[in-house]
Amino acid sequence: MERTLIILKPDAITRWLTGSIMARLEQRWLKLVWNKMTMLNRAILEEHYAHLTDKPFFPGIVSFMTSAPVLLQVWEGKEVADVVRLMAGTTNARTAQPGTIRGDFAMSGWNNVIHASENAEIANEEIERFFNEDELFNYNRIDFDIVYADDEK
């Protein structure tokens, strides 16, 4: 099974949206394998958003992402990175479709409640940035395997 990182951002925490967002992920049969609340610092944000550090809006990202705790989560499932990206919707909340997490809960480009790894490869890098392997859990959700329509029997 593939894993992906999501960050429930400060606006998700301060607006009490974490349960609603997590419920959507669970309803898609995705499995939460780690969950921790933390305060991010500038150093980790410079690493995580390295592709944005030279942008004029980067100080605003740092200010926002350090304004309150975040919830770092690792989710597991088939093609989970792609599934979560679709569920999250476009980064800019004003153009995110209704029914997506950002379309329903977010307010702007920065205040967009969730970070979702771009793809499986980037997800692995991001998970290593925020978690040690011994922090991740492996357990069975239920007593039967999920059967996907495109799986061979």
Protein backbone atom coordinates (compact mmCIF):
# COMPACT_ATOMS: atom_id res chain seq x y z
CA MET A 1 0.00 0.00 0.00
CA GLU A 2 1.11 3.51 -0.77
CA ARG A 3 1.47 6.22 1.87
CA THR A 4 1.04 9.96 1.67
CA LEU A 5 1.54 12.95 3.95
CA ILE A 6 -1.10 15.48 4.71
CA ILE A 7 -0.75 18.52 6.91
CA LEU A 8 -3.89 19.92 8.44
CA LYS A 9 -2.86 23.55 8.52
CA PRO A 10 -3.37 26.15 11.27
CA ASP A 11 -6.72 27.25 9.86
CA ALA A 12 -8.03 23.67 10.00
CA ILE A 13 -6.96 23.49 13.65
CA THR A 14 -8.27 26.88 14.76
CA ARG A 15 -11.56 26.47 12.89
CA TRP A 16 -12.10 22.96 14.34
CA LEU A 17 -12.24 21.28 10.94
CA THR A 18 -9.87 18.38 11.61
CA GLY A 19 -12.59 15.85 12.43
CA SER A 20 -14.61 16.72 9.34
CA ILE A 21 -11.56 16.43 7.08
CA MET A 22 -10.40 13.17 8.64
CA ALA A 23 -13.91 11.71 8.35
CA ARG A 24 -13.84 12.31 4.59
CA LEU A 25 -10.54 10.46 4.27
CA GLU A 26 -11.81 7.55 6.36
CA GLN A 27 -15.01 7.37 4.31
CA ARG A 28 -12.79 6.72 1.27
CA TRP A 29 -11.34 3.69 3.09
CA LEU A 30 -7.98 5.39 3.62
CA LYS A 31 -6.10 4.29 6.73
CA LEU A 32 -4.51 6.71 9.18
CA VAL A 33 -1.10 5.33 10.20
CA TRP A 34 0.27 8.31 12.11
CA ASN A 35 -1.03 11.52 13.54
CA LYS A 36 0.84 14.16 15.54
CA MET A 37 0.20 17.75 16.46
CA THR A 38 3.20 20.06 16.40
CA MET A 39 4.33 23.62 15.89
CA LEU A 40 6.38 24.05 12.75
CA ASN A 41 9.42 26.32 12.67
CA ARG A 42 11.03 28.35 9.90
CA ALA A 43 13.82 25.80 9.31
CA ILE A 44 11.44 22.93 8.56
CA LEU A 45 9.24 25.21 6.43
CA GLU A 46 12.27 26.32 4.39
CA GLU A 47 13.03 22.65 3.73
CA HIS A 48 9.43 21.67 3.05
CA TYR A 49 8.69 24.66 0.82
CA ALA A 50 12.21 24.95 -0.68
CA HIS A 51 10.68 25.60 -4.11
CA LEU A 52 8.98 28.73 -2.72
CA THR A 53 11.64 30.33 -0.51
CA ASP A 54 12.63 32.91 -3.14
CA LYS A 55 9.02 33.98 -3.75
CA PRO A 56 7.84 37.30 -2.29
CA PHE A 57 4.94 35.58 -0.53
CA PHE A 58 7.14 33.07 1.34
CA PRO A 59 7.32 35.16 4.55
CA GLY A 60 3.50 35.11 4.59
CA ILE A 61 3.52 31.31 4.34
CA VAL A 62 5.95 31.11 7.26
CA SER A 63 3.84 33.52 9.31
CA PHE A 64 0.67 31.55 8.61
CA MET A 65 2.16 28.07 9.10
CA THR A 66 3.71 29.08 12.45
CA SER A 67 0.61 30.89 13.73
CA ALA A 68 -0.90 27.79 15.37
CA PRO A 69 -0.20 24.05 15.59
CA VAL A 70 -0.56 21.77 12.59
CA LEU A 71 -1.62 18.14 12.46
CA LEU A 72 0.88 16.00 10.57
CA GLN A 73 -0.66 12.80 9.27
CA VAL A 74 0.36 9.80 7.21
CA TRP A 75 -2.46 8.02 5.38
CA GLU A 76 -2.24 4.69 3.58
CA GLY A 77 -4.25 3.20 0.71
CA LYS A 78 -4.24 2.28 -2.93
CA GLU A 79 -3.00 5.26 -4.99
CA VAL A 80 -3.50 7.32 -1.84
CA ALA A 81 -1.45 10.34 -2.95
CA ASP A 82 -3.57 10.78 -6.07
CA VAL A 83 -6.82 10.11 -4.20
CA VAL A 84 -6.03 12.68 -1.50
CA ARG A 85 -4.97 15.30 -4.07
CA LEU A 86 -8.30 14.88 -5.85
CA MET A 87 -10.18 15.06 -2.57
CA ALA A 88 -8.24 18.18 -1.50
CA GLY A 89 -9.05 20.17 -4.65
CA THR A 90 -7.04 22.99 -6.19
CA THR A 91 -4.61 24.94 -4.01
CA ASN A 92 -6.49 28.20 -4.49
CA ALA A 93 -9.63 27.80 -2.41
CA ARG A 94 -11.54 30.31 -4.54
CA THR A 95 -11.29 27.98 -7.55
CA ALA A 96 -11.60 24.66 -5.68
CA GLN A 97 -14.70 22.72 -6.66
CA PRO A 98 -17.53 22.25 -4.16
CA GLY A 99 -17.31 18.76 -2.71
CA THR A 100 -13.53 18.95 -2.33
CA ILE A 101 -11.95 19.63 1.05
CA ARG A 102 -10.68 23.05 -0.02
CA GLY A 103 -13.84 23.84 -1.96
CA ASP A 104 -15.95 23.22 1.12
CA PHE A 105 -13.70 24.46 3.94
CA ALA A 106 -10.88 26.72 2.71
CA MET A 107 -10.88 30.48 2.37
CA SER A 108 -7.82 31.47 0.25
CA GLY A 109 -4.54 30.31 -1.27
CA TRP A 110 -2.75 30.24 2.09
CA ASN A 111 -5.74 29.48 4.28
CA ASN A 112 -6.51 26.32 2.34
CA VAL A 113 -6.72 23.95 5.36
CA ILE A 114 -4.68 21.05 3.94
CA HIS A 115 -1.35 20.19 2.39
CA ALA A 116 -1.39 16.98 0.34
CA SER A 117 1.73 15.40 -1.15
CA GLU A 118 1.98 15.90 -4.90
CA ASN A 119 2.63 12.25 -5.73
CA ALA A 120 3.88 9.00 -4.17
CA GLU A 121 7.57 9.83 -4.64
CA ILE A 122 7.28 13.26 -3.04
CA ALA A 123 5.09 11.75 -0.32
CA ASN A 124 7.92 9.43 0.70
CA GLU A 125 10.34 12.37 0.94
CA GLU A 126 7.86 14.41 2.96
CA ILE A 127 7.07 11.54 5.33
CA GLU A 128 10.80 11.10 6.01
CA ARG A 129 11.06 14.84 6.71
CA PHE A 130 8.43 14.77 9.46
CA PHE A 131 8.44 11.19 10.82
CA ASN A 132 10.79 8.43 11.89
CA GLU A 133 9.88 4.97 10.59
CA ASP A 134 9.30 3.73 14.14
CA GLU A 135 6.56 6.36 14.57
CA LEU A 136 4.38 4.84 11.85
CA PHE A 137 1.85 2.16 12.72
CA ASN A 138 0.90 -0.93 10.79
CA TYR A 139 -2.41 -2.55 11.70
CA ASN A 140 -5.42 -4.15 10.11
CA ARG A 141 -8.47 -1.93 9.89
CA ILE A 142 -10.99 -4.72 9.59
CA ASP A 143 -11.04 -8.49 9.18
CA PHE A 144 -11.49 -8.53 5.42
CA ASP A 145 -9.48 -7.17 2.54
CA ILE A 146 -10.78 -4.27 0.51
CA VAL A 147 -11.47 -5.38 -3.04
CA TYR A 148 -10.90 -2.74 -5.67
CA ALA A 149 -12.80 -2.94 -8.96
CA ASP A 150 -9.59 -2.84 -11.00
CA ASP A 151 -7.82 -5.55 -8.95
CA GLU A 152 -7.26 -8.90 -10.57
CA LYS A 153 -8.68 -11.88 -8.74
